[in-house]
């Protein structure tokens, strides 16, 4: 369905802060999804229900962003 490529970005073992490409976007999105109560624990027994809950959470986040315009 989607033609996407995945690039794994390793963390450096250097003791200083380094911005890694695209990694912060994924971590930020996971943090936003963790705010949803239904996604905080694994309540759903059917994988399609979990996928639907993720889609609903992202729709809610996008609508919240659009309402700020």
PDB file of N, CA and C in Angstrom:
ATOM      1  N   UNK A   1       0.822  -1.189   0.000  1.00  0.00           N
ATOM      2  CA  UNK A   1       0.000   0.000   0.000  1.00  0.00           C
ATOM      3  C   UNK A   1       0.870   1.258   0.000  1.00  0.00           C
ATOM      4  N   UNK A   2       1.822   1.359   0.911  1.00  0.00           N
ATOM      5  CA  UNK A   2       2.729   2.498   0.962  1.00  0.00           C
ATOM      6  C   UNK A   2       4.119   2.039   0.566  1.00  0.00           C
ATOM      7  N   UNK A   3       4.789   2.856  -0.201  1.00  0.00           N
ATOM      8  CA  UNK A   3       6.178   2.572  -0.564  1.00  0.00           C
ATOM      9  C   UNK A   3       7.068   3.423   0.329  1.00  0.00           C
ATOM     10  N   UNK A   4       7.475   2.869   1.445  1.00  0.00           N
ATOM     11  CA  UNK A   4       8.286   3.610   2.404  1.00  0.00           C
ATOM     12  C   UNK A   4       9.579   2.858   2.672  1.00  0.00           C
ATOM     13  N   UNK A   5      10.621   3.616   2.933  1.00  0.00           N
ATOM     14  CA  UNK A   5      11.884   3.009   3.314  1.00  0.00           C
ATOM     15  C   UNK A   5      12.157   3.373   4.768  1.00  0.00           C
ATOM     16  N   UNK A   6      12.806   2.473   5.467  1.00  0.00           N
ATOM     17  CA  UNK A   6      13.105   2.690   6.876  1.00  0.00           C
ATOM     18  C   UNK A   6      14.611   2.820   7.047  1.00  0.00           C
ATOM     19  N   UNK A   7      15.005   3.845   7.758  1.00  0.00           N
ATOM     20  CA  UNK A   7      16.414   4.054   8.054  1.00  0.00           C
ATOM     21  C   UNK A   7      16.573   4.034   9.570  1.00  0.00           C
ATOM     22  N   UNK A   8      17.390   3.133  10.071  1.00  0.00           N
ATOM     23  CA  UNK A   8      17.611   3.014  11.502  1.00  0.00           C
ATOM     24  C   UNK A   8      18.757   3.947  11.885  1.00  0.00           C
ATOM     25  N   UNK A   9      18.462   4.836  12.818  1.00  0.00           N
ATOM     26  CA  UNK A   9      19.456   5.803  13.280  1.00  0.00           C
ATOM     27  C   UNK A   9      19.927   5.369  14.652  1.00  0.00           C
ATOM     28  N   UNK A  10      21.197   5.053  14.757  1.00  0.00           N
ATOM     29  CA  UNK A  10      21.785   4.613  16.030  1.00  0.00           C
ATOM     30  C   UNK A  10      22.155   5.823  16.871  1.00  0.00           C
ATOM     31  N   UNK A  11      21.999   5.663  18.169  1.00  0.00           N
ATOM     32  CA  UNK A  11      22.437   6.706  19.085  1.00  0.00           C
ATOM     33  C   UNK A  11      23.952   6.645  19.211  1.00  0.00           C
ATOM     34  N   UNK A  12      24.556   7.806  19.340  1.00  0.00           N
ATOM     35  CA  UNK A  12      26.004   7.821  19.530  1.00  0.00           C
ATOM     36  C   UNK A  12      26.299   7.621  21.010  1.00  0.00           C
ATOM     37  N   UNK A  13      27.425   7.028  21.303  1.00  0.00           N
ATOM     38  CA  UNK A  13      27.825   6.790  22.685  1.00  0.00           C
ATOM     39  C   UNK A  13      28.633   7.948  23.259  1.00  0.00           C
ATOM     40  N   UNK A  14      28.651   9.049  22.548  1.00  0.00           N
ATOM     41  CA  UNK A  14      29.340  10.236  23.028  1.00  0.00           C
ATOM     42  C   UNK A  14      28.504  10.830  24.154  1.00  0.00           C
ATOM     43  N   UNK A  15      29.128  11.368  25.172  1.00  0.00           N
ATOM     44  CA  UNK A  15      28.433  11.865  26.342  1.00  0.00           C
ATOM     45  C   UNK A  15      27.704  13.184  26.139  1.00  0.00           C
ATOM     46  N   UNK A  16      27.807  13.800  24.983  1.00  0.00           N
ATOM     47  CA  UNK A  16      27.153  15.093  24.774  1.00  0.00           C
ATOM     48  C   UNK A  16      25.867  14.932  23.960  1.00  0.00           C
ATOM     49  N   UNK A  17      25.039  15.959  23.994  1.00  0.00           N
ATOM     50  CA  UNK A  17      23.761  15.942  23.282  1.00  0.00           C
ATOM     51  C   UNK A  17      23.984  16.161  21.800  1.00  0.00           C
ATOM     52  N   UNK A  18      23.407  15.286  20.980  1.00  0.00           N
ATOM     53  CA  UNK A  18      23.494  15.395  19.533  1.00  0.00           C
ATOM     54  C   UNK A  18      22.096  15.163  18.971  1.00  0.00           C
ATOM     55  N   UNK A  19      21.627  16.061  18.107  1.00  0.00           N
ATOM     56  CA  UNK A  19      20.323  15.896  17.477  1.00  0.00           C
ATOM     57  C   UNK A  19      20.454  14.852  16.377  1.00  0.00           C
ATOM     58  N   UNK A  20      19.644  13.812  16.455  1.00  0.00           N
ATOM     59  CA  UNK A  20      19.676  12.756  15.461  1.00  0.00           C
ATOM     60  C   UNK A  20      18.595  13.010  14.425  1.00  0.00           C
ATOM     61  N   UNK A  21      18.874  12.726  13.149  1.00  0.00           N
ATOM     62  CA  UNK A  21      17.893  13.035  12.113  1.00  0.00           C
ATOM     63  C   UNK A  21      16.644  12.175  12.223  1.00  0.00           C
ATOM     64  N   UNK A  22      15.495  12.833  12.215  1.00  0.00           N
ATOM     65  CA  UNK A  22      14.162  12.223  12.190  1.00  0.00           C
ATOM     66  C   UNK A  22      13.813  11.414  13.440  1.00  0.00           C
ATOM     67  N   UNK A  23      14.745  11.120  14.307  1.00  0.00           N
ATOM     68  CA  UNK A  23      14.442  10.301  15.476  1.00  0.00           C
ATOM     69  C   UNK A  23      13.521  11.035  16.438  1.00  0.00           C
ATOM     70  N   UNK A  24      13.716  12.342  16.595  1.00  0.00           N
ATOM     71  CA  UNK A  24      12.910  13.109  17.527  1.00  0.00           C
ATOM     72  C   UNK A  24      11.465  13.175  17.073  1.00  0.00           C
ATOM     73  N   UNK A  25      11.217  13.121  15.767  1.00  0.00           N
ATOM     74  CA  UNK A  25       9.841  13.163  15.261  1.00  0.00           C
ATOM     75  C   UNK A  25       9.090  11.912  15.697  1.00  0.00           C
ATOM     76  N   UNK A  26       9.733  10.772  15.596  1.00  0.00           N
ATOM     77  CA  UNK A  26       9.100   9.512  15.989  1.00  0.00           C
ATOM     78  C   UNK A  26       8.877   9.480  17.497  1.00  0.00           C
ATOM     79  N   UNK A  27       9.883   9.898  18.267  1.00  0.00           N
ATOM     80  CA  UNK A  27       9.751   9.888  19.725  1.00  0.00           C
ATOM     81  C   UNK A  27       8.672  10.857  20.190  1.00  0.00           C
ATOM     82  N   UNK A  28       8.558  12.015  19.531  1.00  0.00           N
ATOM     83  CA  UNK A  28       7.511  12.977  19.875  1.00  0.00           C
ATOM     84  C   UNK A  28       6.128  12.401  19.580  1.00  0.00           C
ATOM     85  N   UNK A  29       5.987  11.714  18.451  1.00  0.00           N
ATOM     86  CA  UNK A  29       4.702  11.117  18.097  1.00  0.00           C
ATOM     87  C   UNK A  29       4.316  10.018  19.072  1.00  0.00           C
ATOM     88  N   UNK A  30       5.278   9.193  19.486  1.00  0.00           N
ATOM     89  CA  UNK A  30       4.990   8.162  20.486  1.00  0.00           C
ATOM     90  C   UNK A  30       4.572   8.788  21.813  1.00  0.00           C
ATOM     91  N   UNK A  31       5.180   9.903  22.170  1.00  0.00           N
ATOM     92  CA  UNK A  31       4.807  10.589  23.411  1.00  0.00           C
ATOM     93  C   UNK A  31       3.390  11.126  23.320  1.00  0.00           C
ATOM     94  N   UNK A  32       3.000  11.660  22.165  1.00  0.00           N
ATOM     95  CA  UNK A  32       1.631  12.148  21.992  1.00  0.00           C
ATOM     96  C   UNK A  32       0.633  11.002  22.073  1.00  0.00           C
ATOM     97  N   UNK A  33       0.990   9.868  21.467  1.00  0.00           N
ATOM     98  CA  UNK A  33       0.088   8.712  21.508  1.00  0.00           C
ATOM     99  C   UNK A  33      -0.041   8.157  22.922  1.00  0.00           C
ATOM    100  N   UNK A  34       1.010   8.262  23.712  1.00  0.00           N
ATOM    101  CA  UNK A  34       0.971   7.750  25.080  1.00  0.00           C
ATOM    102  C   UNK A  34       0.017   8.554  25.956  1.00  0.00           C
ATOM    103  N   UNK A  35      -0.350   9.764  25.527  1.00  0.00           N
ATOM    104  CA  UNK A  35      -1.301  10.565  26.291  1.00  0.00           C
ATOM    105  C   UNK A  35      -2.728  10.020  26.202  1.00  0.00           C
ATOM    106  N   UNK A  36      -3.004   9.188  25.217  1.00  0.00           N
ATOM    107  CA  UNK A  36      -4.336   8.603  25.078  1.00  0.00           C
ATOM    108  C   UNK A  36      -4.497   7.465  26.075  1.00  0.00           C
ATOM    109  N   UNK A  37      -5.586   7.519  26.811  1.00  0.00           N
ATOM    110  CA  UNK A  37      -5.803   6.530  27.875  1.00  0.00           C
ATOM    111  C   UNK A  37      -5.918   5.125  27.310  1.00  0.00           C
ATOM    112  N   UNK A  38      -6.601   4.952  26.190  1.00  0.00           N
ATOM    113  CA  UNK A  38      -6.790   3.617  25.623  1.00  0.00           C
ATOM    114  C   UNK A  38      -5.493   3.036  25.071  1.00  0.00           C
ATOM    115  N   UNK A  39      -4.531   3.891  24.749  1.00  0.00           N
ATOM    116  CA  UNK A  39      -3.261   3.405  24.200  1.00  0.00           C
ATOM    117  C   UNK A  39      -2.192   3.259  25.271  1.00  0.00           C
ATOM    118  N   UNK A  40      -2.476   3.747  26.453  1.00  0.00           N
ATOM    119  CA  UNK A  40      -1.489   3.677  27.527  1.00  0.00           C
ATOM    120  C   UNK A  40      -1.272   2.246  27.996  1.00  0.00           C
ATOM    121  N   UNK A  41      -2.300   1.441  27.963  1.00  0.00           N
ATOM    122  CA  UNK A  41      -2.218   0.011  28.293  1.00  0.00           C
ATOM    123  C   UNK A  41      -2.735  -0.783  27.101  1.00  0.00           C
ATOM    124  N   UNK A  42      -2.427  -2.038  27.061  1.00  0.00           N
ATOM    125  CA  UNK A  42      -2.871  -2.882  25.948  1.00  0.00           C
ATOM    126  C   UNK A  42      -4.236  -3.489  26.295  1.00  0.00           C
ATOM    127  N   UNK A  43      -5.291  -2.696  26.112  1.00  0.00           N
ATOM    128  CA  UNK A  43      -6.641  -3.143  26.425  1.00  0.00           C
ATOM    129  C   UNK A  43      -7.250  -3.983  25.308  1.00  0.00           C
ATOM    130  N   UNK A  44      -6.837  -3.706  24.094  1.00  0.00           N
ATOM    131  CA  UNK A  44      -7.468  -4.341  22.929  1.00  0.00           C
ATOM    132  C   UNK A  44      -6.891  -5.737  22.696  1.00  0.00           C
ATOM    133  N   UNK A  45      -7.774  -6.686  22.432  1.00  0.00           N
ATOM    134  CA  UNK A  45      -7.330  -8.056  22.177  1.00  0.00           C
ATOM    135  C   UNK A  45      -7.185  -8.346  20.687  1.00  0.00           C
ATOM    136  N   UNK A  46      -7.822  -7.526  19.858  1.00  0.00           N
ATOM    137  CA  UNK A  46      -7.751  -7.713  18.408  1.00  0.00           C
ATOM    138  C   UNK A  46      -6.854  -6.615  17.825  1.00  0.00           C
ATOM    139  N   UNK A  47      -5.850  -6.992  17.026  1.00  0.00           N
ATOM    140  CA  UNK A  47      -4.908  -5.996  16.491  1.00  0.00           C
ATOM    141  C   UNK A  47      -5.589  -4.878  15.686  1.00  0.00           C
ATOM    142  N   UNK A  48      -6.667  -5.188  14.999  1.00  0.00           N
ATOM    143  CA  UNK A  48      -7.373  -4.165  14.220  1.00  0.00           C
ATOM    144  C   UNK A  48      -7.971  -3.098  15.139  1.00  0.00           C
ATOM    145  N   UNK A  49      -8.388  -3.493  16.330  1.00  0.00           N
ATOM    146  CA  UNK A  49      -8.921  -2.516  17.279  1.00  0.00           C
ATOM    147  C   UNK A  49      -7.811  -1.587  17.766  1.00  0.00           C
ATOM    148  N   UNK A  50      -6.641  -2.139  18.010  1.00  0.00           N
ATOM    149  CA  UNK A  50      -5.509  -1.299  18.424  1.00  0.00           C
ATOM    150  C   UNK A  50      -5.139  -0.311  17.323  1.00  0.00           C
ATOM    151  N   UNK A  51      -5.140  -0.782  16.089  1.00  0.00           N
ATOM    152  CA  UNK A  51      -4.822   0.098  14.960  1.00  0.00           C
ATOM    153  C   UNK A  51      -5.862   1.212  14.844  1.00  0.00           C
ATOM    154  N   UNK A  52      -7.119   0.874  15.053  1.00  0.00           N
ATOM    155  CA  UNK A  52      -8.182   1.879  14.998  1.00  0.00           C
ATOM    156  C   UNK A  52      -8.025   2.903  16.110  1.00  0.00           C
ATOM    157  N   UNK A  53      -7.642   2.459  17.300  1.00  0.00           N
ATOM    158  CA  UNK A  53      -7.440   3.393  18.415  1.00  0.00           C
ATOM    159  C   UNK A  53      -6.275   4.346  18.133  1.00  0.00           C
ATOM    160  N   UNK A  54      -5.228   3.847  17.490  1.00  0.00           N
ATOM    161  CA  UNK A  54      -4.096   4.706  17.116  1.00  0.00           C
ATOM    162  C   UNK A  54      -4.544   5.735  16.082  1.00  0.00           C
ATOM    163  N   UNK A  55      -5.322   5.301  15.107  1.00  0.00           N
ATOM    164  CA  UNK A  55      -5.820   6.229  14.092  1.00  0.00           C
ATOM    165  C   UNK A  55      -6.722   7.290  14.713  1.00  0.00           C
ATOM    166  N   UNK A  56      -7.596   6.894  15.628  1.00  0.00           N
ATOM    167  CA  UNK A  56      -8.475   7.859  16.289  1.00  0.00           C
ATOM    168  C   UNK A  56      -7.675   8.850  17.131  1.00  0.00           C
ATOM    169  N   UNK A  57      -6.636   8.374  17.801  1.00  0.00           N
ATOM    170  CA  UNK A  57      -5.793   9.267  18.601  1.00  0.00           C
ATOM    171  C   UNK A  57      -5.078  10.280  17.704  1.00  0.00           C
ATOM    172  N   UNK A  58      -4.579   9.831  16.562  1.00  0.00           N
ATOM    173  CA  UNK A  58      -3.896  10.747  15.652  1.00  0.00           C
ATOM    174  C   UNK A  58      -4.882  11.740  15.028  1.00  0.00           C
ATOM    175  N   UNK A  59      -6.088  11.292  14.719  1.00  0.00           N
ATOM    176  CA  UNK A  59      -7.112  12.206  14.202  1.00  0.00           C
ATOM    177  C   UNK A  59      -7.426  13.271  15.240  1.00  0.00           C
ATOM    178  N   UNK A  60      -7.541  12.857  16.499  1.00  0.00           N
ATOM    179  CA  UNK A  60      -7.817  13.817  17.574  1.00  0.00           C
ATOM    180  C   UNK A  60      -6.692  14.835  17.695  1.00  0.00           C
ATOM    181  N   UNK A  61      -5.448  14.376  17.600  1.00  0.00           N
ATOM    182  CA  UNK A  61      -4.308  15.293  17.680  1.00  0.00           C
ATOM    183  C   UNK A  61      -4.276  16.269  16.499  1.00  0.00           C
ATOM    184  N   UNK A  62      -4.566  15.757  15.294  1.00  0.00           N
ATOM    185  CA  UNK A  62      -4.561  16.625  14.119  1.00  0.00           C
ATOM    186  C   UNK A  62      -5.686  17.648  14.182  1.00  0.00           C
ATOM    187  N   UNK A  63      -6.867  17.239  14.654  1.00  0.00           N
ATOM    188  CA  UNK A  63      -7.977  18.184  14.785  1.00  0.00           C
ATOM    189  C   UNK A  63      -7.661  19.259  15.819  1.00  0.00           C
ATOM    190  N   UNK A  64      -6.976  18.868  16.876  1.00  0.00           N
ATOM    191  CA  UNK A  64      -6.568  19.841  17.892  1.00  0.00           C
ATOM    192  C   UNK A  64      -5.597  20.858  17.299  1.00  0.00           C
ATOM    193  N   UNK A  65      -4.659  20.388  16.475  1.00  0.00           N
ATOM    194  CA  UNK A  65      -3.714  21.309  15.824  1.00  0.00           C
ATOM    195  C   UNK A  65      -4.423  22.220  14.837  1.00  0.00           C
ATOM    196  N   UNK A  66      -5.371  21.664  14.089  1.00  0.00           N
ATOM    197  CA  UNK A  66      -6.099  22.474  13.097  1.00  0.00           C
ATOM    198  C   UNK A  66      -7.000  23.509  13.750  1.00  0.00           C
ATOM    199  N   UNK A  67      -7.509  23.209  14.932  1.00  0.00           N
ATOM    200  CA  UNK A  67      -8.392  24.156  15.600  1.00  0.00           C
ATOM    201  C   UNK A  67      -7.631  25.375  16.120  1.00  0.00           C
ATOM    202  N   UNK A  68      -6.315  25.285  16.213  1.00  0.00           N
ATOM    203  CA  UNK A  68      -5.509  26.408  16.682  1.00  0.00           C
ATOM    204  C   UNK A  68      -5.253  27.435  15.591  1.00  0.00           C
ATOM    205  N   UNK A  69      -5.599  27.121  14.339  1.00  0.00           N
ATOM    206  CA  UNK A  69      -5.359  28.061  13.235  1.00  0.00           C
ATOM    207  C   UNK A  69      -6.393  29.112  13.191  1.00  0.00           C
TER     208      UNK A  69
END
